[in-house]
Structure formats: structure tokens, C-alpha cells
Protein backbone atom coordinates (compact mmCIF):
# COMPACT_ATOMS: atom_id res chain seq x y z
CA MET A 1 28.15 -188.76 63.36
CA SER A 2 27.79 -190.98 66.55
CA ASP A 3 29.71 -190.09 69.57
CA THR A 4 30.51 -193.98 70.13
CA HIS A 5 34.26 -194.40 69.71
CA PRO A 6 35.11 -196.16 66.44
CA THR A 7 37.77 -198.22 67.80
CA ARG A 8 36.20 -199.81 70.90
CA THR A 9 35.30 -203.35 70.14
CA VAL A 10 34.05 -206.45 72.15
CA GLY A 11 37.82 -207.94 71.14
CA ALA A 12 39.75 -204.94 72.10
CA LEU A 13 40.16 -205.76 75.82
CA PRO A 14 42.66 -208.65 75.00
CA ASP A 15 44.69 -206.74 72.52
CA ALA A 16 44.77 -203.82 74.54
CA ALA A 17 45.75 -205.62 77.57
CA SER A 18 49.07 -206.56 75.95
CA GLU A 19 50.07 -202.74 75.67
CA SER A 20 51.48 -201.19 78.61
CA PRO A 21 48.89 -199.91 81.04
CA ARG A 22 51.05 -197.56 82.81
CA ALA A 23 51.46 -195.02 80.14
CA PRO A 24 48.11 -193.49 80.19
CA VAL A 25 48.33 -193.33 83.91
CA TRP A 26 51.87 -191.74 84.05
CA LEU A 27 51.33 -189.43 81.13
CA THR A 28 48.18 -188.19 82.79
CA ARG A 29 50.11 -187.58 85.77
CA LEU A 30 52.91 -185.84 84.01
CA VAL A 31 50.57 -183.32 82.40
CA TRP A 32 49.06 -182.46 85.64
CA LEU A 33 52.41 -181.84 87.04
CA LEU A 34 53.20 -179.77 83.91
CA TRP A 35 50.03 -177.57 84.84
CA LEU A 36 51.22 -177.24 88.48
CA ALA A 37 54.55 -176.18 87.09
CA THR A 38 53.16 -173.55 84.87
CA LEU A 39 50.82 -172.06 87.44
CA GLY A 40 54.38 -171.36 89.25
CA VAL A 41 55.58 -169.96 86.00
CA LEU A 42 52.99 -167.57 85.72
CA GLY A 43 52.95 -166.44 89.39
CA ALA A 44 56.81 -165.96 89.10
CA TYR A 45 55.97 -163.89 86.06
CA VAL A 46 53.56 -161.85 87.50
CA LEU A 47 55.53 -161.10 90.69
CA THR A 48 58.77 -160.48 89.05
CA ASP A 49 57.50 -159.05 85.57
CA THR A 50 60.63 -160.66 84.05
CA LEU A 51 60.77 -162.20 80.63
CA TRP A 52 62.93 -165.12 80.46
CA ALA A 53 64.53 -165.97 77.07
CA ILE A 54 67.05 -168.24 75.50
CA ALA A 55 69.21 -167.00 72.81
CA GLY A 56 66.30 -165.71 70.72
CA ILE A 57 64.73 -169.14 70.49
CA VAL A 58 61.99 -169.51 73.19
CA ALA A 59 60.70 -166.74 75.45
CA VAL A 60 58.59 -166.94 78.38
CA ASP A 61 56.61 -164.03 78.46
CA GLY A 62 53.07 -162.83 79.76
CA LEU A 63 51.28 -164.59 76.51
CA THR A 64 53.50 -167.85 77.10
CA ALA A 65 52.68 -167.73 80.80
CA VAL A 66 49.14 -167.52 80.34
CA MET A 67 48.68 -169.92 77.50
CA TRP A 68 50.76 -172.76 79.30
CA VAL A 69 48.49 -172.51 81.97
CA ALA A 70 45.42 -173.08 79.76
CA VAL A 71 46.92 -175.77 77.53
CA THR A 72 48.13 -177.99 80.31
CA PHE A 73 44.78 -177.83 81.94
CA PHE A 74 42.81 -178.63 79.00
CA SER A 75 45.38 -181.32 78.36
CA GLY A 76 44.73 -182.67 81.71
CA ILE A 77 41.16 -182.92 81.61
CA VAL A 78 41.36 -184.67 78.45
CA HIS A 79 44.06 -187.12 79.73
CA SER A 80 41.96 -187.90 82.77
CA TYR A 81 38.84 -188.22 80.97
CA SER A 82 40.43 -190.77 78.23
CA ARG A 83 41.56 -192.84 80.77
CA ARG A 84 37.89 -194.00 81.12
CA TYR A 85 36.55 -193.07 77.92
CA MET A 86 39.25 -194.93 75.77
CA ALA A 87 39.62 -198.14 78.11
CA GLY A 88 39.71 -201.22 76.10
CA SER A 89 40.59 -199.52 72.79
CA GLU A 90 43.33 -200.71 70.61
CA ARG A 91 46.73 -198.63 70.38
CA LEU A 92 45.94 -197.00 73.71
CA THR A 93 49.39 -196.06 74.36
CA ALA A 94 49.73 -194.54 70.99
CA PHE A 95 46.70 -192.36 71.57
CA PHE A 96 48.12 -191.23 74.71
CA THR A 97 51.46 -190.61 73.30
CA ARG A 98 49.72 -188.37 70.74
CA ILE A 99 47.67 -186.25 72.72
CA PHE A 100 50.76 -185.62 75.34
CA GLY A 101 53.13 -184.97 72.24
CA PHE A 102 50.48 -182.60 71.04
CA THR A 103 50.42 -180.82 74.22
CA LEU A 104 54.38 -180.09 74.20
CA VAL A 105 54.32 -179.04 70.93
CA VAL A 106 51.64 -176.35 71.65
CA MET A 107 53.70 -175.27 74.58
CA VAL A 108 56.75 -174.96 72.24
CA LEU A 109 54.69 -173.00 69.87
CA VAL A 110 53.30 -170.18 72.28
CA ALA A 111 56.89 -170.05 73.64
CA ALA A 112 58.75 -169.64 70.50
CA ALA A 113 60.56 -166.63 70.19
CA ASN A 114 62.15 -167.71 66.76
CA THR A 115 59.86 -167.54 63.79
CA VAL A 116 61.35 -170.64 62.13
CA LEU A 117 60.80 -172.58 65.34
CA PHE A 118 57.19 -171.21 65.38
CA VAL A 119 56.55 -172.72 61.80
CA LEU A 120 57.95 -176.01 62.79
CA ALA A 121 55.80 -176.20 65.86
CA TRP A 122 52.83 -175.09 63.67
CA LEU A 123 53.46 -177.71 61.16
CA ALA A 124 54.04 -180.52 63.94
CA MET A 125 50.77 -179.50 65.76
CA GLY A 126 48.62 -179.70 62.36
CA LEU A 127 50.19 -182.98 61.68
CA LEU A 128 49.75 -184.75 65.17
CA MET A 129 45.88 -183.35 65.07
CA ALA A 130 45.45 -184.89 61.72
CA ASP A 131 46.76 -188.52 62.85
CA LEU A 132 44.27 -188.27 66.00
CA VAL A 133 41.56 -187.47 63.51
CA GLY A 134 42.56 -190.50 61.76
CA TYR A 135 43.11 -192.68 64.97
CA ALA A 136 40.93 -195.59 63.88
CA ARG A 137 43.24 -196.91 61.20
CA ASP A 138 41.06 -199.65 59.84
CA TRP A 139 38.03 -197.25 59.36
CA PRO A 140 38.27 -195.79 55.91
CA GLN A 141 36.06 -192.64 56.60
CA ALA A 142 38.57 -191.91 59.51
CA GLN A 143 41.44 -191.83 57.17
CA ALA A 144 39.66 -189.88 54.63
CA ALA A 145 39.13 -187.33 57.37
CA ALA A 146 42.72 -187.38 58.38
CA SER A 147 43.79 -187.09 54.75
CA LEU A 148 41.49 -183.95 54.18
CA SER A 149 42.31 -182.26 57.69
CA ARG A 150 46.19 -182.87 56.62
CA ARG A 151 45.78 -181.03 53.38
CA TYR A 152 44.25 -178.09 55.31
CA PHE A 153 46.61 -177.96 58.00
CA LEU A 154 49.64 -178.13 55.32
CA ALA A 155 48.16 -175.47 53.63
CA SER A 156 47.99 -173.32 56.58
CA SER A 157 51.67 -174.13 57.62
CA ALA A 158 52.75 -173.41 53.96
CA LEU A 159 51.30 -169.90 54.62
CA VAL A 160 52.82 -169.29 57.83
CA GLY A 161 56.13 -170.37 56.03
CA VAL A 162 55.65 -167.62 53.40
CA ALA A 163 55.16 -165.00 55.68
CA VAL A 164 58.14 -166.05 57.83
CA PHE A 165 60.44 -166.64 54.59
CA VAL A 166 59.50 -163.06 53.17
CA LEU A 167 60.22 -161.50 56.42
CA TRP A 168 63.69 -163.07 56.43
CA ALA A 169 64.18 -162.63 52.66
CA THR A 170 63.46 -158.75 52.64
CA ALA A 171 64.29 -157.70 56.27
CA GLY A 172 66.47 -160.71 57.54
CA VAL A 173 64.42 -161.16 60.62
CA THR A 174 63.79 -164.35 62.38
CA THR A 175 62.59 -163.44 65.69
CA PHE A 176 59.02 -161.86 66.73
CA GLU A 177 61.36 -159.19 68.58
CA GLY A 178 62.93 -158.61 64.84
CA VAL A 179 59.29 -158.50 63.20
CA ALA A 180 58.18 -155.73 65.85
CA ALA A 181 61.32 -153.58 65.04
CA VAL A 182 60.85 -153.61 61.06
CA ALA A 183 57.10 -153.94 60.71
CA ASP A 184 56.60 -150.47 59.99
CA THR A 185 59.41 -150.09 57.53
CA LEU A 186 58.48 -153.01 55.16
CA PRO A 187 57.57 -152.10 51.53
CA PHE A 188 53.77 -152.13 51.19
CA THR A 189 53.56 -155.24 48.68
CA THR A 190 56.03 -156.85 50.92
CA TRP A 191 54.03 -156.27 54.11
CA LEU A 192 50.81 -157.16 52.27
CA ILE A 193 51.83 -160.41 51.37
CA VAL A 194 53.05 -161.14 55.13
CA ALA A 195 49.79 -160.04 56.48
CA GLY A 196 47.64 -161.50 53.92
CA ALA A 197 49.27 -165.07 54.41
CA LEU A 198 48.84 -164.85 58.00
CA LEU A 199 45.46 -163.70 57.80
CA LEU A 200 44.50 -166.81 55.42
CA ALA A 201 46.36 -169.13 57.74
CA ALA A 202 44.55 -167.96 61.04
CA MET A 203 41.23 -168.53 58.97
CA ILE A 204 42.14 -172.17 57.96
CA GLN A 205 43.38 -172.86 61.36
CA SER A 206 40.23 -171.53 63.22
CA ALA A 207 37.95 -173.16 60.74
CA LEU A 208 36.38 -169.83 59.72
CA VAL A 209 34.11 -169.67 56.55
CA PRO A 210 34.72 -170.76 53.82
CA PHE A 211 37.48 -173.03 55.30
CA HIS A 212 34.98 -174.89 58.00
CA GLY A 213 34.87 -177.77 55.86
CA TRP A 214 37.80 -179.70 57.45
CA LEU A 215 36.28 -179.10 61.06
CA LEU A 216 32.63 -180.52 60.12
CA SER A 217 34.53 -183.65 58.33
CA SER A 218 36.68 -184.41 61.29
CA MET A 219 34.10 -185.90 63.51
CA THR A 220 35.66 -189.46 63.00
CA ALA A 221 38.34 -188.28 65.69
CA PRO A 222 37.67 -190.01 69.37
CA THR A 223 35.62 -187.53 71.29
CA PRO A 224 38.51 -186.71 73.75
CA ALA A 225 40.60 -185.84 70.48
CA SER A 226 37.51 -183.50 69.25
CA ALA A 227 37.69 -181.93 72.59
CA LEU A 228 41.32 -181.32 72.52
CA MET A 229 40.89 -179.97 68.79
CA HIS A 230 37.98 -177.53 69.69
CA ALA A 231 39.23 -176.20 72.79
CA GLY A 232 42.81 -175.74 71.75
CA PHE A 233 43.71 -176.43 68.25
CA VAL A 234 41.43 -174.05 66.59
CA ASN A 235 42.68 -171.28 68.99
CA ALA A 236 45.89 -171.22 67.35
CA GLY A 237 44.79 -168.78 64.57
CA GLY A 238 44.50 -166.39 67.55
CA ILE A 239 47.85 -167.11 68.88
CA LEU A 240 49.36 -166.65 65.35
CA LEU A 241 47.82 -163.01 64.90
CA VAL A 242 48.87 -162.02 68.31
CA ARG A 243 52.44 -163.15 67.88
CA PHE A 244 52.53 -161.25 64.44
CA ALA A 245 50.47 -158.20 65.96
CA PRO A 246 53.34 -155.87 65.21
CA ALA A 247 52.92 -156.55 61.29
CA VAL A 248 49.38 -157.12 61.32
CA THR A 249 48.50 -153.69 63.00
CA VAL A 250 50.68 -151.61 60.69
CA GLU A 251 47.63 -150.82 58.24
CA ALA A 252 44.18 -149.81 59.89
CA ARG A 253 42.31 -150.81 56.65
CA PHE A 254 43.64 -154.25 56.99
CA MET A 255 42.43 -154.48 60.67
CA LEU A 256 39.14 -153.33 59.32
CA LEU A 257 39.14 -156.18 56.68
CA ILE A 258 39.77 -158.67 59.62
CA VAL A 259 36.73 -157.30 61.42
CA ALA A 260 34.59 -157.74 58.22
CA VAL A 261 35.99 -161.30 57.48
CA GLY A 262 35.23 -162.39 61.30
CA ALA A 263 31.54 -160.62 61.21
CA ALA A 264 30.82 -162.21 57.84
CA SER A 265 32.13 -165.88 59.20
CA ALA A 266 30.30 -165.13 62.61
CA LEU A 267 27.04 -164.73 61.23
CA VAL A 268 27.26 -167.69 58.35
CA GLY A 269 28.48 -169.82 61.24
CA LYS A 270 25.54 -169.09 63.36
CA LEU A 271 23.07 -169.72 60.54
CA LEU A 272 24.97 -173.01 59.88
CA ARG A 273 24.42 -174.22 63.48
CA THR A 274 20.71 -173.73 63.43
CA VAL A 275 20.13 -176.24 60.61
CA GLN A 276 22.20 -179.16 62.27
CA THR A 277 20.45 -182.06 64.08
CA ASP A 278 23.48 -183.97 65.13
CA VAL A 279 25.18 -182.79 68.37
CA LYS A 280 28.88 -182.73 67.26
CA ALA A 281 27.94 -180.83 64.01
CA ARG A 282 26.24 -178.17 66.07
CA LEU A 283 29.37 -177.95 68.34
CA GLY A 284 31.39 -177.79 65.06
CA CYS A 285 29.50 -174.72 63.75
CA SER A 286 29.41 -173.16 67.12
CA THR A 287 33.34 -173.20 67.33
CA THR A 288 33.56 -171.60 63.81
CA GLY A 289 31.05 -168.86 64.89
CA GLN A 290 33.14 -168.39 68.33
CA MET A 291 36.45 -168.29 66.41
CA SER A 292 34.90 -165.73 64.05
CA PHE A 293 34.38 -163.58 67.41
CA MET A 294 37.74 -164.07 68.23
CA LEU A 295 39.22 -162.73 64.83
CA MET A 296 36.68 -159.74 65.12
CA GLN A 297 38.40 -158.90 68.54
CA VAL A 298 41.82 -159.21 66.71
CA GLY A 299 40.44 -156.66 63.97
CA LEU A 300 39.38 -154.22 66.73
CA GLY A 301 42.85 -154.29 68.15
CA PHE A 302 42.13 -156.19 71.38
CA PHE A 303 44.43 -158.90 71.42
CA ALA A 304 44.15 -159.61 75.10
CA ALA A 305 40.12 -159.79 74.57
CA ALA A 306 40.94 -162.40 71.81
CA ILE A 307 43.14 -164.50 74.10
CA THR A 308 40.44 -164.13 77.00
CA HIS A 309 37.75 -165.48 74.66
CA LEU A 310 39.68 -168.28 73.16
CA ILE A 311 40.62 -169.53 76.96
CA LEU A 312 36.86 -168.93 78.20
CA HIS A 313 35.43 -170.90 74.64
CA GLY A 314 38.23 -173.46 75.43
CA PHE A 315 36.72 -174.45 78.54
CA TYR A 316 33.18 -174.16 77.56
CA LYS A 317 33.80 -176.32 74.47
CA ALA A 318 35.77 -179.10 76.32
CA TYR A 319 32.90 -179.48 78.67
CA GLU A 320 30.39 -179.60 75.97
CA PHE A 321 32.32 -182.25 74.06
CA LEU A 322 33.00 -184.40 76.94
CA SER A 323 29.52 -184.27 78.30
CA ASN A 324 27.72 -184.45 74.82
CA GLY A 325 27.10 -188.13 75.54
CA SER A 326 25.04 -187.52 78.71
CA ARG A 327 23.31 -184.70 77.09
CA VAL A 328 22.32 -187.20 73.98
CA ALA A 329 20.96 -189.79 76.63
CA HIS A 330 18.74 -187.21 78.40
CA THR A 331 17.46 -185.44 75.22
CA THR A 332 14.13 -186.32 73.56
CA PRO A 333 14.22 -186.45 69.69
CA GLY A 334 12.97 -183.30 68.47
CA HIS A 335 13.93 -181.37 71.48
CA GLY A 336 16.87 -179.20 72.32
CA HIS A 337 17.15 -178.09 68.27
CA GLY A 338 14.16 -176.07 67.47
CA GLU A 339 13.37 -172.47 67.67
CA THR A 340 13.63 -170.63 70.73
CA PRO A 341 10.07 -169.81 71.96
CA SER A 342 9.02 -166.29 71.35
CA LEU A 343 9.25 -163.74 74.28
CA THR A 344 6.54 -161.87 75.82
CA VAL A 345 6.66 -158.18 76.15
CA VAL A 346 8.24 -158.60 79.68
CA GLY A 347 10.69 -161.14 78.52
CA ALA A 348 11.68 -158.76 75.81
CA LEU A 349 12.29 -155.89 78.34
CA ALA A 350 13.91 -158.32 80.54
CA THR A 351 16.35 -159.52 77.74
CA GLY A 352 17.20 -155.82 76.84
CA GLY A 353 17.77 -154.82 80.31
CA THR A 354 20.11 -157.73 81.11
CA ALA A 355 22.00 -157.02 77.84
CA ALA A 356 22.60 -153.31 78.72
CA ALA A 357 23.50 -154.12 82.13
CA GLY A 358 26.05 -156.51 80.96
CA GLY A 359 27.61 -154.00 78.59
CA ILE A 360 27.62 -151.55 81.54
CA ILE A 361 29.37 -153.81 83.81
CA PHE A 362 32.05 -154.88 81.29
CA THR A 363 32.70 -150.99 80.40
CA ALA A 364 32.71 -150.25 84.35
CA LEU A 365 35.48 -152.98 85.05
CA THR A 366 37.58 -152.66 81.72
CA GLY A 367 37.30 -149.12 80.64
CA GLU A 368 36.36 -150.29 76.88
CA GLY A 369 33.93 -148.47 75.47
CA LEU A 370 34.47 -145.25 76.96
CA HIS A 371 36.35 -143.35 74.31
CA GLY A 372 35.58 -142.90 70.48
CA ASP A 373 37.56 -146.01 69.10
CA SER A 374 36.88 -149.66 68.43
CA GLY A 375 36.52 -150.24 72.25
CA LEU A 376 32.81 -149.11 71.65
CA LEU A 377 32.30 -152.01 69.23
CA LEU A 378 34.09 -154.36 71.76
CA ALA A 379 31.44 -153.37 74.29
CA GLY A 380 28.98 -153.85 71.79
CA LEU A 381 29.93 -157.49 71.12
CA VAL A 382 29.56 -158.24 74.97
CA VAL A 383 26.10 -156.45 74.76
CA LEU A 384 25.12 -158.74 71.90
CA THR A 385 26.41 -161.84 73.59
CA THR A 386 24.65 -161.18 76.34
CA LEU A 387 21.53 -160.46 74.53
CA HIS A 388 21.54 -163.90 72.75
CA ALA A 389 22.32 -165.71 76.07
CA ALA A 390 19.63 -164.10 77.86
CA ARG A 391 16.92 -164.45 75.10
CA GLN A 392 17.76 -168.24 75.16
CA ALA A 393 17.31 -168.32 78.88
CA PHE A 394 14.24 -166.21 79.08
CA GLY A 395 12.70 -168.14 76.24
CA ARG A 396 12.61 -171.49 78.13
CA THR A 397 9.15 -172.28 79.34
CA GLY A 398 10.15 -175.17 82.02
CA VAL A 399 10.30 -172.92 84.96
CA SER A 400 8.04 -169.92 86.02
CA PRO A 401 8.78 -166.35 84.74
CA ALA A 402 9.52 -164.93 88.23
CA VAL A 403 12.29 -167.59 88.37
CA ARG A 404 13.62 -167.13 85.11
CA TYR A 405 13.87 -163.51 85.32
CA GLY A 406 15.71 -163.57 88.58
CA ALA A 407 17.72 -166.47 87.93
CA VAL A 408 19.31 -165.11 84.73
CA ALA A 409 20.18 -161.69 86.03
CA LEU A 410 22.10 -163.54 88.99
CA VAL A 411 23.88 -165.70 86.81
CA PHE A 412 24.67 -163.66 83.76
CA LEU A 413 25.68 -160.36 85.38
CA PRO A 414 28.20 -162.09 87.50
CA ALA A 415 29.49 -164.18 84.63
CA ILE A 416 30.05 -160.93 82.53
CA ALA A 417 31.81 -159.47 85.70
CA VAL A 418 34.24 -162.52 85.77
CA TYR A 419 34.73 -162.19 81.78
CA GLY A 420 35.60 -158.37 82.63
CA LEU A 421 37.80 -159.23 85.37
CA VAL A 422 39.68 -162.22 83.65
CA TYR A 423 40.25 -159.86 80.67
CA SER A 424 41.70 -157.20 82.57
CA ALA A 425 44.26 -159.56 84.46
CA ILE A 426 45.10 -161.05 80.95
CA GLU A 427 45.73 -157.74 79.66
CA ASP A 428 47.95 -156.72 82.47
CA VAL A 429 49.89 -159.85 82.25
CA MET A 430 50.34 -159.46 78.54
CA ALA A 431 51.30 -155.65 78.65
CA GLY A 432 54.91 -155.03 77.91
CA SER A 433 55.83 -158.18 76.48
CA VAL A 434 53.12 -158.49 73.47
CA VAL A 435 50.67 -156.34 71.85
CA ALA A 436 47.76 -156.70 74.31
CA ALA A 437 45.64 -153.69 72.95
CA ALA A 438 46.04 -151.51 69.70
CA PRO A 439 42.62 -150.16 69.41
CA THR A 440 41.95 -148.39 66.02
CA GLU A 441 40.06 -145.09 65.38
CA LEU A 442 36.28 -145.77 65.04
CA THR A 443 35.23 -144.69 61.16
CA ALA A 444 32.02 -144.52 59.09
CA VAL A 445 33.09 -147.95 57.63
CA HIS A 446 33.26 -149.57 61.34
CA VAL A 447 29.86 -148.22 61.89
CA VAL A 448 28.44 -149.57 58.52
CA VAL A 449 29.99 -152.84 59.42
CA ALA A 450 28.78 -153.07 63.04
CA THR A 451 25.19 -151.93 62.05
CA ALA A 452 24.95 -154.65 59.39
CA PHE A 453 26.23 -157.14 61.63
CA ALA A 454 23.74 -156.23 64.32
CA LEU A 455 21.00 -155.90 62.08
CA VAL A 456 21.62 -159.58 60.36
CA TYR A 457 22.22 -160.90 63.86
CA LEU A 458 18.85 -159.88 65.14
CA ALA A 459 17.02 -161.18 62.21
CA ILE A 460 18.74 -164.39 62.59
CA GLU A 461 17.79 -164.15 66.37
CA THR A 462 13.98 -163.70 65.36
CA GLY A 463 14.06 -166.35 62.95
CA VAL A 464 13.20 -164.47 59.63
CA TYR A 465 15.66 -166.44 57.68
CA ARG A 466 13.61 -169.77 58.20
CA ARG A 467 11.02 -168.39 55.65
CA SER A 468 13.45 -169.14 52.86
CA THR A 469 13.67 -172.71 51.66
CA ARG A 470 16.43 -172.18 49.46
CA LEU A 471 18.49 -170.60 52.20
CA TYR A 472 17.96 -173.72 54.34
CA VAL A 473 19.23 -175.77 51.42
CA ALA A 474 22.08 -173.61 50.68
CA LEU A 475 23.07 -173.95 54.40
CA ARG A 476 22.78 -177.86 54.32
CA ASP A 477 25.07 -178.05 51.55
CA MET A 478 27.59 -175.80 53.10
CA THR A 479 27.77 -178.07 56.18
CA ARG A 480 27.86 -181.26 54.21
CA PRO A 481 31.16 -183.28 55.18
CA ALA A 482 33.15 -184.35 52.45
CA PRO A 483 31.37 -187.64 51.04
CA LYS A 484 34.42 -189.91 51.82
CA THR A 485 34.38 -189.05 55.48
CA VAL A 486 30.65 -189.96 56.02
CA LEU A 487 29.63 -193.53 57.00
CA THR A 488 26.57 -194.80 55.21
CA ASN A 489 26.59 -198.29 56.46
CA THR A 490 26.03 -198.55 60.39
CA GLU A 491 26.94 -202.10 60.35
CA GLU A 492 30.41 -201.31 58.90
CA TYR A 493 30.51 -198.76 61.81
CA ASP A 494 29.90 -201.29 64.47
CA GLU A 495 32.71 -203.43 63.41
CA TYR A 496 35.01 -200.73 64.84
């Protein structure tokens, strides 16, 4: 899975020259203008707190305004990067047309007030992304990856369609406002079909285990398309559950199921990442894990936290994909993929102290974790995430301990503060228009799931699992891309 673009050839420049060179320039400028416009929309919404709607078809609410800004910004970065990265590629105009079209479709998706329009946008988004995965038309592996992705995306669209159809057939609702009005009155079987279909669709879209295969088989996509996929496309699972939150939150046991599914996928995703040697594959497994954390936040009832997570993850993953070429160039084989060095006693204390401080800062800024509800587990996730990041940083031996222990606190704790402030701001913007938070009562089952998750997570951090060869082989098998999407002849790859 190389980062070299498959369609860039020595003879591509003359062919590309025949295409209009203005399309990439103008579409890039246009998407940045869209970003400026969405900033204005967000500002106007915050100042007026007014929801703009068109006859139950589209609505600009807090979620729409926030996501429009994020989507157009990520798209602008990808457009700008692609002008250099894709220079000389065949079908250059087609590539830019597709990524711009993808941006518009996602904007329609997050603004849809009508459930049918939402399904159509969901379907179009999947088909466009599958087309980008198979951008190299003459490369059989790319076409196989596109076909595989398309089947997953069609299945996801069908599940969302089932949920929308059942809501219309049984309750006569075709808007999200209508869904909120009837969600509590649906017969249990009807509700279970709707909620179950939505959860499965979100799992497929966000590449959660066991539906992660399409993501790890999609590495044939050009790097800018991969960045758009990991920074935006997979996040749609979170958008889906936020929009249908009134239906999803009806039953507390179902919310607990979402937490359990997310926790299991996060742990497996973390394990899968540790056995990867390819940069893009590691990033893919990382995406699976991060989307699992997003699903856990949904299950805990903190929808604004899920939106915050997917936006910040989008920034991080876009940067990781668009910079992975430079990372590879400066990385020596055998470095960067091994175990994190063991910590000293001082390092362990510093790691624990940093994690605890991160949790305290988050709780102080957001108020989550101060009550006997699922907010305690949300704060726990922040502590666990800070623990992992701090351990990784403290384990690096390239600088002196004094520098490490001082610098980590100066970097991580302000970062947690920024996260808490962003979360609070997004929660305020979403409040009143969509479900921003619906914390669930903390039960013994929550405690059992959280304890099991923390213990397994810490076991993974300490590397205990590495003692099992059988587990290693199983993990490698789970991350093996579909055979037809794997290139075995490098000379064939060089042709494209």
C-alpha cells in the first residue's frame, strides 16, 4: 500500500494538458468561498439563535452550521493540496469535480430536514466516495476496491432507507421534527427495527469492527481522497445517530448496547493498529478506533461530545494523511512501529498525574463527571485518552526526562482545555435545535463495561497481548484487505 499515486505517469502531462487547467483553480477558490460563507452562517446563527428552514426540506440549525464550517474547511484543504499532489494526473478535472461534488452532497446531508432527502444524500455520498476509491480506471485493484466499497455503502444506504421507510409506513413522518414527535410512541418492534437499522448503518459507514474491511481495502484511493474519507466520510455515522437521536435514546438498554459495541470495536481497533507495518493501514485502524470512541460518546448520551470528537479527529486525520509521505521519507525502517519503551517509576507517576489533571480540567470546564450519570464515563474516556498520549510521549527517549516531563504537561493540559472549551461551545450551539446531551443513568452494567474496557485497554498498553502468537496471526488476518484489492506485482503498479 504505497503512498505513490497510481495514475501519475511520465506520459500523463500531455494528456492532462488537454484538460481545462482552470477547473481545479476555480473549484478550489469556490470551496474556500463556501467556507467563508459558512463562517458567516455560523456567526449569524450564534448571534440570532434563529433556525432557518425551507418547507420541511432543509434546515440550518446548530448542527448544520457547525458541520458546514468543518466540511468546507476540510474540503478546502484537500482541494488546495490536490492541486499540487495531483498535478499531471489523468482525468484531473474529473477528480476535482468529484471531490467538490462530494462536498456539496455532504452539505445537503447535514442540512436535510426531510428524511427522504437525507437518504438520497447518504446514497450519493457513498457512490461518490466509491468512485474516488476507484479513481484509477485502468488499475484492476482500484476497481475491485471501488466495487467492494460500493457494496458496503449500498448496504448502509439500504439500512438507513429501511429506518426511514418504517417510520413513514407506521407513523407517517418524513421529517426529523416528526421523528422527534413520535419516537416515544412507536411500538417496541417498530422502534427496534428503526434503531437497529440506524446502528448497523452507522457502524458500516464509520468502519467499526467487524465492518472495517472496506476501509482497509480502500487504500487504492489517491491520498487526497483518502484524507477526505478519513476526515469526513466516516464521520457520517455520528451525524446519522445525532439526527435520529430522538429515536435512538428511547430505550436506555439500547444506549448501553451502543456503548458496548463502541467499546469492543475500540479495543479491537487498537489491537489491529499494533500489528500494521504500512502507514496507511495504521491510519485506517486508527480511524476505526477513533470512530468507535465517537460511538461510545453517542451511547453515553453526549451527542455534542461525539460531534466535537469527529471534528477534531477530522483535523488530525487530514493532517496525518496529507503529511504521511514526509513521515515515511524521514523514518528509518524498524522505527516508529515498535513497542513504546517501558516507563520508569517517575515516568509512570508523571503519566498518571497528567491523566488525572486532564480529567480534572475537562470536568471543570464542561461540568461532565460531577453527577452520578454517564458523564462520569465520558470524563473517564478523557482520562484514558490523556493517559495513552502521555505514556507515548514520556516513553520517547530522544530527549532528556526533564524536558519530556515539563513539555508534556505544557502541551497536553492546554490541549485538554481547548477540547473542553470546544465541546462546551458546540454543545451550546447545538442546544435547542438537536439533542446535544441526553446522559443516561449510571447502572451496574455501565460500571462492568467500563471496568472491563479499562482493564483490557491497560493490558494492551502494557503489551501483554504480544505474548500470544495466535492472537497476532488472528489480528493480521482481520486486517488483511480483500485479495483482489492487493497489488502483488510492483511492476504492474509502476505502469500507473
